Amino acid sequence: MKKLLILFSLTLLLGACGNDENPSPTQESETEVSAPEGELDPTSPEEADEAEPTTFTALANGEIPDGEPVMLAGTVEELTDDNAFPAFILTDGEQQVYIRNMAEKAVAVGDSVTVKGIYEGQAEENMPLVSVDIIETQ
């Protein structure tokens, strides 16, 4: 009797587990992200067009306020990976800036580029972080 009760309980348990209905998503939607009111949006090329030429030294010394549009020219030193976007390190020969490549334009180590984007403060590596959406290869 005890074996029959265990067998019956096991059958009920497995029967309840086998009824997995996997609801399929009916529609996938994209979430649009934008900057908070009054701040520049690093994903907007129009805002990066207002960028003024900036030096690596001014970024490293904190002379540029966070959220300011900037334009830098330099050489791609190293390709890295930001969780959401590809990234690279841009150098002027002496100093480095971490570039978040929001344009997702392919660049290679050694390329001379001009980038326009929004300065976002210091990256984890203690180097200036700029999110760019305009990359011009020279």
Protein backbone atom coordinates (compact mmCIF):
# COMPACT_ATOMS: atom_id res chain seq x y z
CA MET A 1 0.00 0.00 0.00
CA LYS A 2 2.84 2.34 0.90
CA LYS A 3 4.54 1.71 -2.47
CA LEU A 4 1.28 2.39 -4.28
CA LEU A 5 0.85 5.70 -2.43
CA ILE A 6 4.43 6.76 -3.31
CA LEU A 7 3.91 5.78 -6.96
CA PHE A 8 0.61 7.72 -7.10
CA SER A 9 2.22 10.82 -5.48
CA LEU A 10 5.15 10.67 -7.87
CA THR A 11 2.79 10.45 -10.85
CA LEU A 12 0.84 13.49 -9.68
CA LEU A 13 4.02 15.44 -9.04
CA LEU A 14 5.48 14.67 -12.45
CA GLY A 15 2.15 15.35 -14.14
CA ALA A 16 2.01 18.82 -12.61
CA CYS A 17 5.59 19.57 -13.69
CA GLY A 18 5.01 18.48 -17.27
CA ASN A 19 2.38 21.10 -17.95
CA ASP A 20 4.82 23.90 -18.82
CA GLU A 21 3.26 26.35 -21.15
CA ASN A 22 5.83 28.69 -22.62
CA PRO A 23 3.97 31.83 -23.63
CA SER A 24 5.61 33.19 -26.73
CA PRO A 25 6.02 36.93 -26.98
CA THR A 26 3.52 38.32 -29.39
CA GLN A 27 5.39 41.48 -30.16
CA GLU A 28 8.91 42.65 -29.51
CA SER A 29 9.35 46.31 -28.91
CA GLU A 30 12.38 48.53 -28.59
CA THR A 31 12.76 50.81 -25.64
CA GLU A 32 13.82 54.31 -26.53
CA VAL A 33 16.27 55.84 -24.12
CA SER A 34 16.86 59.54 -23.95
CA ALA A 35 18.76 61.92 -21.72
CA PRO A 36 17.02 63.54 -18.75
CA GLU A 37 15.51 66.98 -19.30
CA GLY A 38 18.17 69.65 -19.72
CA GLU A 39 21.05 67.23 -20.43
CA LEU A 40 22.68 66.45 -23.75
CA ASP A 41 21.87 63.04 -25.22
CA PRO A 42 25.03 61.16 -26.31
CA THR A 43 22.99 59.16 -28.83
CA SER A 44 21.89 62.28 -30.72
CA PRO A 45 24.19 63.28 -33.60
CA GLU A 46 22.62 66.76 -33.69
CA GLU A 47 23.91 67.54 -30.20
CA ALA A 48 27.39 66.25 -31.01
CA ASP A 49 27.50 68.57 -34.04
CA GLU A 50 27.75 71.47 -31.58
CA ALA A 51 31.03 70.05 -30.26
CA GLU A 52 34.04 72.33 -30.03
CA PRO A 53 37.60 71.04 -30.53
CA THR A 54 38.93 69.90 -27.16
CA THR A 55 42.38 68.84 -25.99
CA PHE A 56 43.17 65.62 -24.19
CA THR A 57 44.82 67.69 -21.45
CA ALA A 58 41.64 69.72 -20.81
CA LEU A 59 39.67 66.48 -20.35
CA ALA A 60 42.32 64.90 -18.12
CA ASN A 61 42.57 68.01 -15.92
CA GLY A 62 38.80 68.29 -15.45
CA GLU A 63 38.55 71.62 -17.27
CA ILE A 64 35.53 70.41 -19.25
CA PRO A 65 32.24 69.99 -17.37
CA ASP A 66 30.37 66.66 -17.55
CA GLY A 67 27.72 66.62 -20.29
CA GLU A 68 29.64 69.02 -22.55
CA PRO A 69 29.85 68.23 -26.29
CA VAL A 70 33.48 67.66 -27.31
CA MET A 71 35.49 66.93 -30.45
CA LEU A 72 38.81 65.06 -30.31
CA ALA A 73 41.31 63.96 -32.93
CA GLY A 74 43.77 61.17 -32.26
CA THR A 75 44.87 57.64 -32.97
CA VAL A 76 43.04 54.47 -31.95
CA GLU A 77 45.41 52.74 -29.52
CA GLU A 78 43.38 49.79 -28.27
CA LEU A 79 39.99 48.22 -28.94
CA THR A 80 37.97 47.39 -25.84
CA ASP A 81 34.42 46.38 -25.10
CA ASP A 82 31.85 48.34 -23.17
CA ASN A 83 28.94 46.12 -22.09
CA ALA A 84 26.43 47.85 -24.33
CA PHE A 85 28.61 49.36 -27.06
CA PRO A 86 31.99 48.73 -28.64
CA ALA A 87 34.69 50.99 -27.27
CA PHE A 88 38.28 51.99 -27.85
CA ILE A 89 41.07 54.04 -26.35
CA LEU A 90 42.03 57.18 -28.25
CA THR A 91 45.44 58.76 -27.72
CA ASP A 92 47.23 61.92 -28.74
CA GLY A 93 50.60 60.28 -28.13
CA GLU A 94 50.78 61.29 -24.47
CA GLN A 95 47.32 60.98 -22.91
CA GLN A 96 44.41 58.61 -23.38
CA VAL A 97 40.64 58.98 -23.54
CA TYR A 98 38.17 56.10 -23.25
CA ILE A 99 35.71 56.31 -26.16
CA ARG A 100 32.29 54.63 -26.00
CA ASN A 101 31.49 54.00 -29.68
CA MET A 102 27.74 54.61 -29.74
CA ALA A 103 27.90 55.02 -33.52
CA GLU A 104 29.11 51.40 -33.63
CA LYS A 105 31.36 52.35 -36.53
CA ALA A 106 34.21 49.90 -37.13
CA VAL A 107 37.65 51.26 -36.29
CA ALA A 108 41.03 49.52 -36.19
CA VAL A 109 44.10 49.99 -34.04
CA GLY A 110 46.28 52.68 -35.64
CA ASP A 111 43.39 54.54 -37.34
CA SER A 112 43.53 58.33 -37.16
CA VAL A 113 40.04 59.50 -36.26
CA THR A 114 38.10 62.57 -35.27
CA VAL A 115 35.27 61.90 -32.83
CA LYS A 116 32.37 64.06 -31.66
CA GLY A 117 30.35 63.23 -28.60
CA ILE A 118 29.44 64.02 -25.02
CA TYR A 119 32.01 64.08 -22.19
CA GLU A 120 30.71 61.88 -19.37
CA GLY A 121 33.37 62.30 -16.69
CA GLN A 122 35.93 59.73 -15.62
CA ALA A 123 35.81 56.08 -16.68
CA GLU A 124 36.68 53.28 -14.25
CA GLU A 125 40.25 53.31 -15.55
CA ASN A 126 40.68 56.94 -14.36
CA MET A 127 40.71 58.27 -17.86
CA PRO A 128 38.18 60.65 -19.41
CA LEU A 129 35.08 58.98 -20.92
CA VAL A 130 33.44 60.33 -24.05
CA SER A 131 30.33 58.77 -25.62
CA VAL A 132 30.58 59.45 -29.33
CA ASP A 133 28.09 59.11 -32.12
CA ILE A 134 30.16 60.68 -34.90
CA ILE A 135 33.43 59.07 -35.95
CA GLU A 136 35.32 60.32 -38.98
CA THR A 137 38.29 58.26 -40.18
CA GLN A 138 41.10 60.25 -41.77
